[in-house]
Amino acid sequence: MPLPLLWVFACGPEEHAGMVVGVRSARGGTWGYYEAGRGQAGYLAPYGDAKFAADQVDAVLRHKMFPAAW
């Protein structure tokens, strides 16, 4: 069964970055937001905490766009 995914894209003055986010089961019978394609290593935040997940996505995209700033 196909899973719903969200493509998040950020445009900068010189760089562009994107990532695909999905929801999947996590350890302990819970759910979590994940960067699709990275499996357990792509864990971003617990499901239900959309604000924290958005902050995590923002941090990942900023790092992709401006790696020298980290």
Protein backbone atom coordinates (compact mmCIF):
# COMPACT_ATOMS: atom_id res chain seq x y z
CA MET A 1 0.00 0.00 0.00
CA PRO A 2 1.46 3.39 -0.93
CA LEU A 3 2.21 5.73 1.93
CA PRO A 4 1.38 9.44 1.82
CA LEU A 5 4.52 11.55 1.62
CA LEU A 6 5.14 15.29 1.85
CA TRP A 7 7.76 16.95 -0.37
CA VAL A 8 9.26 19.95 1.46
CA PHE A 9 11.28 22.33 -0.70
CA ALA A 10 13.22 25.47 0.24
CA CYS A 11 14.61 28.06 -2.18
CA GLY A 12 17.57 30.19 -1.27
CA PRO A 13 19.31 32.95 -3.21
CA GLU A 14 21.87 30.49 -4.59
CA GLU A 15 20.97 27.06 -3.23
CA HIS A 16 17.84 24.92 -3.19
CA ALA A 17 17.14 21.98 -0.92
CA GLY A 18 14.34 19.52 -0.45
CA MET A 19 13.37 16.44 1.47
CA VAL A 20 10.50 13.98 1.58
CA VAL A 21 8.78 13.48 4.94
CA GLY A 22 6.48 10.64 5.95
CA VAL A 23 4.94 9.08 9.04
CA ARG A 24 5.80 5.53 10.06
CA SER A 25 5.73 3.33 13.10
CA ALA A 26 8.43 3.84 15.69
CA ARG A 27 9.73 1.74 18.54
CA GLY A 28 7.40 1.08 21.42
CA GLY A 29 4.24 1.05 19.31
CA THR A 30 4.28 4.79 18.65
CA TRP A 31 4.42 6.77 15.42
CA GLY A 32 6.92 9.35 14.21
CA TYR A 33 7.82 11.73 11.42
CA TYR A 34 10.72 10.48 9.30
CA GLU A 35 12.79 11.68 6.39
CA ALA A 36 11.65 9.17 3.77
CA GLY A 37 14.32 6.90 2.39
CA ARG A 38 16.50 7.00 5.51
CA GLY A 39 14.53 4.49 7.58
CA GLN A 40 15.12 4.60 11.33
CA ALA A 41 18.08 6.95 10.78
CA GLY A 42 15.72 9.57 9.35
CA TYR A 43 13.70 10.04 12.55
CA LEU A 44 12.65 13.67 12.99
CA ALA A 45 10.02 13.90 15.74
CA PRO A 46 7.23 12.01 17.48
CA TYR A 47 3.90 12.00 15.65
CA GLY A 48 1.57 14.63 17.04
CA ASP A 49 4.27 17.23 17.62
CA ALA A 50 4.05 18.97 14.24
CA LYS A 51 5.80 22.13 15.51
CA PHE A 52 8.88 20.20 16.61
CA ALA A 53 8.86 18.19 13.37
CA ALA A 54 8.71 21.43 11.34
CA ASP A 55 11.64 22.83 13.33
CA GLN A 56 13.62 19.65 12.61
CA VAL A 57 12.83 19.85 8.88
CA ASP A 58 13.87 23.52 8.90
CA ALA A 59 17.20 22.63 10.53
CA VAL A 60 17.90 19.83 8.02
CA LEU A 61 17.10 22.07 5.04
CA ARG A 62 19.22 24.93 6.43
CA HIS A 63 22.13 22.54 6.85
CA LYS A 64 21.71 21.32 3.25
CA MET A 65 21.57 24.88 1.92
CA PHE A 66 24.30 26.38 4.10
CA PRO A 67 26.64 23.56 5.22
CA ALA A 68 29.51 25.96 6.01
CA ALA A 69 27.35 27.72 8.63
CA TRP A 70 27.11 24.57 10.78
